[in-house]
C-alpha atoms as a PDB file:
ATOM      1  CA  UNK A   1      -0.116   0.107  -0.135  1.00  0.00           C
ATOM      2  CA  UNK A   2       2.925   2.816   1.164  1.00  0.00           C
ATOM      3  CA  UNK A   3       6.183   2.030   1.550  1.00  0.00           C
ATOM      4  CA  UNK A   4       7.372   1.247   4.841  1.00  0.00           C
ATOM      5  CA  UNK A   5       3.893   0.733   6.171  1.00  0.00           C
ATOM      6  CA  UNK A   6       3.139  -2.684   7.431  1.00  0.00           C
ATOM      7  CA  UNK A   7      -0.215  -4.333   6.299  1.00  0.00           C
ATOM      8  CA  UNK A   8      -1.446  -7.005   7.800  1.00  0.00           C
ATOM      9  CA  UNK A   9      -3.451  -9.552   5.576  1.00  0.00           C
ATOM     10  CA  UNK A  10      -5.051 -12.867   6.073  1.00  0.00           C
ATOM     11  CA  UNK A  11      -5.943 -14.093   3.103  1.00  0.00           C
ATOM     12  CA  UNK A  12      -8.136 -18.041   3.524  1.00  0.00           C
ATOM     13  CA  UNK A  13      -9.873 -20.156   1.601  1.00  0.00           C
ATOM     14  CA  UNK A  14     -11.748 -22.675   4.139  1.00  0.00           C
ATOM     15  CA  UNK A  15     -14.847 -25.182   3.228  1.00  0.00           C
ATOM     16  CA  UNK A  16     -15.968 -23.253   0.155  1.00  0.00           C
ATOM     17  CA  UNK A  17     -15.593 -19.794   1.647  1.00  0.00           C
ATOM     18  CA  UNK A  18     -13.314 -16.992   0.487  1.00  0.00           C
ATOM     19  CA  UNK A  19     -11.856 -14.725   3.508  1.00  0.00           C
ATOM     20  CA  UNK A  20      -9.940 -11.562   2.552  1.00  0.00           C
ATOM     21  CA  UNK A  21      -8.785  -9.326   5.613  1.00  0.00           C
ATOM     22  CA  UNK A  22      -6.215  -6.434   5.666  1.00  0.00           C
ATOM     23  CA  UNK A  23      -5.060  -3.957   7.951  1.00  0.00           C
ATOM     24  CA  UNK A  24      -3.272  -1.343   8.030  1.00  0.00           C
ATOM     25  CA  UNK A  25      -0.572  -1.159  11.288  1.00  0.00           C
ATOM     26  CA  UNK A  26      -2.918  -4.436  12.054  1.00  0.00           C
ATOM     27  CA  UNK A  27      -5.517  -1.893  13.451  1.00  0.00           C
ATOM     28  CA  UNK A  28      -6.906   0.011  10.869  1.00  0.00           C
ATOM     29  CA  UNK A  29      -9.170  -2.432   8.738  1.00  0.00           C
ATOM     30  CA  UNK A  30      -9.055  -1.769   4.758  1.00  0.00           C
ATOM     31  CA  UNK A  31     -10.853  -4.853   3.596  1.00  0.00           C
ATOM     32  CA  UNK A  32     -13.127  -7.144   5.068  1.00  0.00           C
ATOM     33  CA  UNK A  33     -14.625  -9.463   2.490  1.00  0.00           C
ATOM     34  CA  UNK A  34     -16.134 -13.055   2.894  1.00  0.00           C
ATOM     35  CA  UNK A  35     -19.319 -14.614   1.842  1.00  0.00           C
ATOM     36  CA  UNK A  36     -19.225 -13.368  -1.573  1.00  0.00           C
ATOM     37  CA  UNK A  37     -19.041 -16.415  -4.605  1.00  0.00           C
ATOM     38  CA  UNK A  38     -16.279 -14.017  -6.080  1.00  0.00           C
ATOM     39  CA  UNK A  39     -14.233 -14.059  -3.058  1.00  0.00           C
ATOM     40  CA  UNK A  40     -14.191 -17.288  -2.589  1.00  0.00           C
ATOM     41  CA  UNK A  41     -13.386 -17.996  -6.449  1.00  0.00           C
ATOM     42  CA  UNK A  42     -10.571 -15.876  -5.969  1.00  0.00           C
ATOM     43  CA  UNK A  43      -9.060 -17.282  -3.106  1.00  0.00           C
ATOM     44  CA  UNK A  44      -9.616 -20.717  -4.792  1.00  0.00           C
ATOM     45  CA  UNK A  45      -7.782 -19.352  -7.702  1.00  0.00           C
ATOM     46  CA  UNK A  46      -4.901 -18.152  -5.082  1.00  0.00           C
ATOM     47  CA  UNK A  47      -4.896 -21.226  -3.486  1.00  0.00           C
ATOM     48  CA  UNK A  48      -4.234 -23.312  -6.814  1.00  0.00           C
ATOM     49  CA  UNK A  49      -1.742 -20.430  -7.754  1.00  0.00           C
ATOM     50  CA  UNK A  50       0.626 -21.268  -4.603  1.00  0.00           C
ATOM     51  CA  UNK A  51       0.858 -25.136  -5.557  1.00  0.00           C
ATOM     52  CA  UNK A  52       4.202 -24.826  -6.827  1.00  0.00           C
ATOM     53  CA  UNK A  53       5.270 -24.704  -3.263  1.00  0.00           C
ATOM     54  CA  UNK A  54       3.067 -28.106  -2.229  1.00  0.00           C
ATOM     55  CA  UNK A  55       3.689 -29.926  -5.640  1.00  0.00           C
ATOM     56  CA  UNK A  56       1.345 -32.832  -4.428  1.00  0.00           C
ATOM     57  CA  UNK A  57      -1.337 -30.830  -4.647  1.00  0.00           C
ATOM     58  CA  UNK A  58      -1.249 -30.500  -8.192  1.00  0.00           C
ATOM     59  CA  UNK A  59      -1.288 -34.092  -8.927  1.00  0.00           C
ATOM     60  CA  UNK A  60      -4.694 -35.223 -10.695  1.00  0.00           C
ATOM     61  CA  UNK A  61      -4.987 -37.565  -7.221  1.00  0.00           C
ATOM     62  CA  UNK A  62      -5.852 -34.251  -5.291  1.00  0.00           C
ATOM     63  CA  UNK A  63      -8.356 -33.053  -7.696  1.00  0.00           C
ATOM     64  CA  UNK A  64      -6.289 -31.226 -10.369  1.00  0.00           C
ATOM     65  CA  UNK A  65      -7.361 -31.988 -13.675  1.00  0.00           C
ATOM     66  CA  UNK A  66      -4.881 -30.769 -16.548  1.00  0.00           C
ATOM     67  CA  UNK A  67      -5.647 -29.970 -20.368  1.00  0.00           C
ATOM     68  CA  UNK A  68      -2.165 -29.031 -22.623  1.00  0.00           C
ATOM     69  CA  UNK A  69      -2.357 -25.944 -24.425  1.00  0.00           C
ATOM     70  CA  UNK A  70       0.956 -26.306 -26.102  1.00  0.00           C
ATOM     71  CA  UNK A  71       4.422 -27.283 -25.153  1.00  0.00           C
ATOM     72  CA  UNK A  72       4.891 -24.909 -23.024  1.00  0.00           C
ATOM     73  CA  UNK A  73       1.657 -24.382 -21.045  1.00  0.00           C
ATOM     74  CA  UNK A  74      -1.328 -26.391 -19.688  1.00  0.00           C
ATOM     75  CA  UNK A  75      -4.793 -25.167 -17.995  1.00  0.00           C
ATOM     76  CA  UNK A  76      -4.946 -26.519 -14.630  1.00  0.00           C
ATOM     77  CA  UNK A  77      -8.726 -26.714 -13.391  1.00  0.00           C
ATOM     78  CA  UNK A  78      -9.375 -27.420  -9.541  1.00  0.00           C
ATOM     79  CA  UNK A  79     -13.110 -28.172  -8.392  1.00  0.00           C
ATOM     80  CA  UNK A  80     -14.537 -27.522  -4.761  1.00  0.00           C
ATOM     81  CA  UNK A  81     -18.097 -27.866  -4.403  1.00  0.00           C
ATOM     82  CA  UNK A  82     -19.881 -25.470  -6.665  1.00  0.00           C
ATOM     83  CA  UNK A  83     -16.726 -23.751  -7.336  1.00  0.00           C
ATOM     84  CA  UNK A  84     -14.465 -24.292 -10.366  1.00  0.00           C
ATOM     85  CA  UNK A  85     -11.211 -22.080 -10.962  1.00  0.00           C
ATOM     86  CA  UNK A  86      -8.998 -22.541 -14.244  1.00  0.00           C
ATOM     87  CA  UNK A  87      -5.541 -21.257 -14.495  1.00  0.00           C
ATOM     88  CA  UNK A  88      -2.838 -21.455 -17.018  1.00  0.00           C
ATOM     89  CA  UNK A  89       0.033 -22.442 -15.755  1.00  0.00           C
ATOM     90  CA  UNK A  90       3.485 -21.642 -18.340  1.00  0.00           C
ATOM     91  CA  UNK A  91       6.293 -23.912 -17.997  1.00  0.00           C
ATOM     92  CA  UNK A  92      10.465 -22.901 -18.218  1.00  0.00           C
ATOM     93  CA  UNK A  93      12.714 -24.656 -20.118  1.00  0.00           C
ATOM     94  CA  UNK A  94      13.429 -27.375 -17.404  1.00  0.00           C
ATOM     95  CA  UNK A  95       9.543 -28.248 -17.576  1.00  0.00           C
ATOM     96  CA  UNK A  96       9.181 -26.332 -14.270  1.00  0.00           C
ATOM     97  CA  UNK A  97       6.289 -23.828 -13.421  1.00  0.00           C
ATOM     98  CA  UNK A  98       7.087 -20.295 -14.069  1.00  0.00           C
ATOM     99  CA  UNK A  99       3.778 -18.686 -13.951  1.00  0.00           C
ATOM    100  CA  UNK A 100       0.295 -19.413 -13.001  1.00  0.00           C
ATOM    101  CA  UNK A 101      -1.861 -16.918 -14.592  1.00  0.00           C
ATOM    102  CA  UNK A 102      -5.730 -16.304 -14.559  1.00  0.00           C
ATOM    103  CA  UNK A 103      -7.611 -13.753 -17.212  1.00  0.00           C
ATOM    104  CA  UNK A 104     -10.027 -12.922 -14.562  1.00  0.00           C
ATOM    105  CA  UNK A 105      -9.601 -13.258 -10.998  1.00  0.00           C
ATOM    106  CA  UNK A 106     -11.003 -10.531  -8.458  1.00  0.00           C
ATOM    107  CA  UNK A 107      -9.472  -7.562  -7.330  1.00  0.00           C
ATOM    108  CA  UNK A 108     -10.951  -5.679  -4.512  1.00  0.00           C
ATOM    109  CA  UNK A 109     -11.712  -2.203  -5.250  1.00  0.00           C
ATOM    110  CA  UNK A 110     -13.084  -0.006  -2.312  1.00  0.00           C
ATOM    111  CA  UNK A 111     -16.263  -2.310  -1.889  1.00  0.00           C
ATOM    112  CA  UNK A 112     -16.955  -3.718  -4.953  1.00  0.00           C
ATOM    113  CA  UNK A 113     -14.731  -6.824  -6.907  1.00  0.00           C
ATOM    114  CA  UNK A 114     -13.502  -6.235 -10.357  1.00  0.00           C
ATOM    115  CA  UNK A 115     -12.558  -9.054 -12.764  1.00  0.00           C
ATOM    116  CA  UNK A 116      -8.961  -8.162 -13.401  1.00  0.00           C
ATOM    117  CA  UNK A 117      -6.279 -10.567 -15.352  1.00  0.00           C
ATOM    118  CA  UNK A 118      -3.448 -12.076 -12.679  1.00  0.00           C
ATOM    119  CA  UNK A 119      -0.769 -13.640 -12.524  1.00  0.00           C
ATOM    120  CA  UNK A 120       1.652 -15.381 -10.090  1.00  0.00           C
ATOM    121  CA  UNK A 121       5.478 -15.920 -11.006  1.00  0.00           C
ATOM    122  CA  UNK A 122       8.192 -18.065  -9.257  1.00  0.00           C
ATOM    123  CA  UNK A 123      11.835 -19.202  -9.534  1.00  0.00           C
ATOM    124  CA  UNK A 124      14.795 -20.352  -8.134  1.00  0.00           C
ATOM    125  CA  UNK A 125      13.764 -23.599  -7.538  1.00  0.00           C
ATOM    126  CA  UNK A 126      15.811 -25.977  -5.068  1.00  0.00           C
ATOM    127  CA  UNK A 127      15.300 -29.624  -3.953  1.00  0.00           C
ATOM    128  CA  UNK A 128      13.386 -29.938  -0.806  1.00  0.00           C
ATOM    129  CA  UNK A 129      11.977 -33.110   0.655  1.00  0.00           C
ATOM    130  CA  UNK A 130      12.825 -34.865  -2.618  1.00  0.00           C
ATOM    131  CA  UNK A 131      10.478 -32.098  -4.502  1.00  0.00           C
ATOM    132  CA  UNK A 132      11.597 -29.137  -6.491  1.00  0.00           C
ATOM    133  CA  UNK A 133      10.067 -26.131  -5.193  1.00  0.00           C
ATOM    134  CA  UNK A 134      10.343 -22.262  -6.168  1.00  0.00           C
ATOM    135  CA  UNK A 135      12.028 -20.230  -3.436  1.00  0.00           C
ATOM    136  CA  UNK A 136      10.975 -16.845  -4.760  1.00  0.00           C
ATOM    137  CA  UNK A 137       8.135 -15.672  -6.187  1.00  0.00           C
ATOM    138  CA  UNK A 138       5.644 -12.452  -7.181  1.00  0.00           C
ATOM    139  CA  UNK A 139       2.011 -11.999  -7.690  1.00  0.00           C
ATOM    140  CA  UNK A 140       0.609  -9.035  -9.757  1.00  0.00           C
ATOM    141  CA  UNK A 141      -2.438  -7.338 -11.329  1.00  0.00           C
ATOM    142  CA  UNK A 142      -1.827  -7.204 -15.099  1.00  0.00           C
ATOM    143  CA  UNK A 143      -3.926  -3.520 -15.424  1.00  0.00           C
ATOM    144  CA  UNK A 144      -3.910  -2.040 -18.640  1.00  0.00           C
ATOM    145  CA  UNK A 145      -1.559   0.563 -17.854  1.00  0.00           C
ATOM    146  CA  UNK A 146       0.965  -2.265 -16.894  1.00  0.00           C
ATOM    147  CA  UNK A 147       1.822  -4.768 -14.413  1.00  0.00           C
ATOM    148  CA  UNK A 148       1.086  -3.778 -10.750  1.00  0.00           C
ATOM    149  CA  UNK A 149       2.974  -6.401  -8.207  1.00  0.00           C
ATOM    150  CA  UNK A 150       1.490  -6.565  -4.941  1.00  0.00           C
ATOM    151  CA  UNK A 151       3.573  -9.183  -3.578  1.00  0.00           C
ATOM    152  CA  UNK A 152       7.294 -10.446  -3.617  1.00  0.00           C
ATOM    153  CA  UNK A 153       8.458 -12.996  -1.330  1.00  0.00           C
ATOM    154  CA  UNK A 154      11.861 -14.875  -0.628  1.00  0.00           C
ATOM    155  CA  UNK A 155      10.948 -18.823   1.235  1.00  0.00           C
ATOM    156  CA  UNK A 156      13.487 -18.796   4.028  1.00  0.00           C
ATOM    157  CA  UNK A 157      11.912 -22.114   5.134  1.00  0.00           C
ATOM    158  CA  UNK A 158      10.116 -25.012   3.914  1.00  0.00           C
ATOM    159  CA  UNK A 159       8.908 -27.921   5.997  1.00  0.00           C
ATOM    160  CA  UNK A 160       6.602 -30.706   4.801  1.00  0.00           C
ATOM    161  CA  UNK A 161       5.007 -33.165   7.057  1.00  0.00           C
ATOM    162  CA  UNK A 162       4.354 -36.273   5.081  1.00  0.00           C
ATOM    163  CA  UNK A 163       1.190 -38.468   6.225  1.00  0.00           C
ATOM    164  CA  UNK A 164       1.959 -42.182   7.059  1.00  0.00           C
END
């Protein structure tokens, strides 16, 4: 929002419900949305775009359906109850995910949710627990005036707890 001013964000998808809460300095609420179909859909898209960090979620056995687009991209569709989301996954020369894109993810503008092109990019893959996962990422809205990143991060630690 503003350089140097911390914003606490709770971004979740739980049991078919999307939750988006943001507060400047953790005190002043700037967004509090839930119980809206477009919020649930947007949060399920975010969940699907984060799957490079837990790649087993990309398996068809976990509900992801795949459709090839070309040699470097595929559409991944995830369904939860009545909510379906389809994202375009693009792959680099090593066949690792480099971006996940939605043509229309709900972007909060005031009290409205506006369908907007959106993209998550990931890179700097390393092996963790026998899987290749990215350590760096960026998420951006793709606006008519250009790319507007709103999250950049570097993963310091990943711990996986595999069921027996």
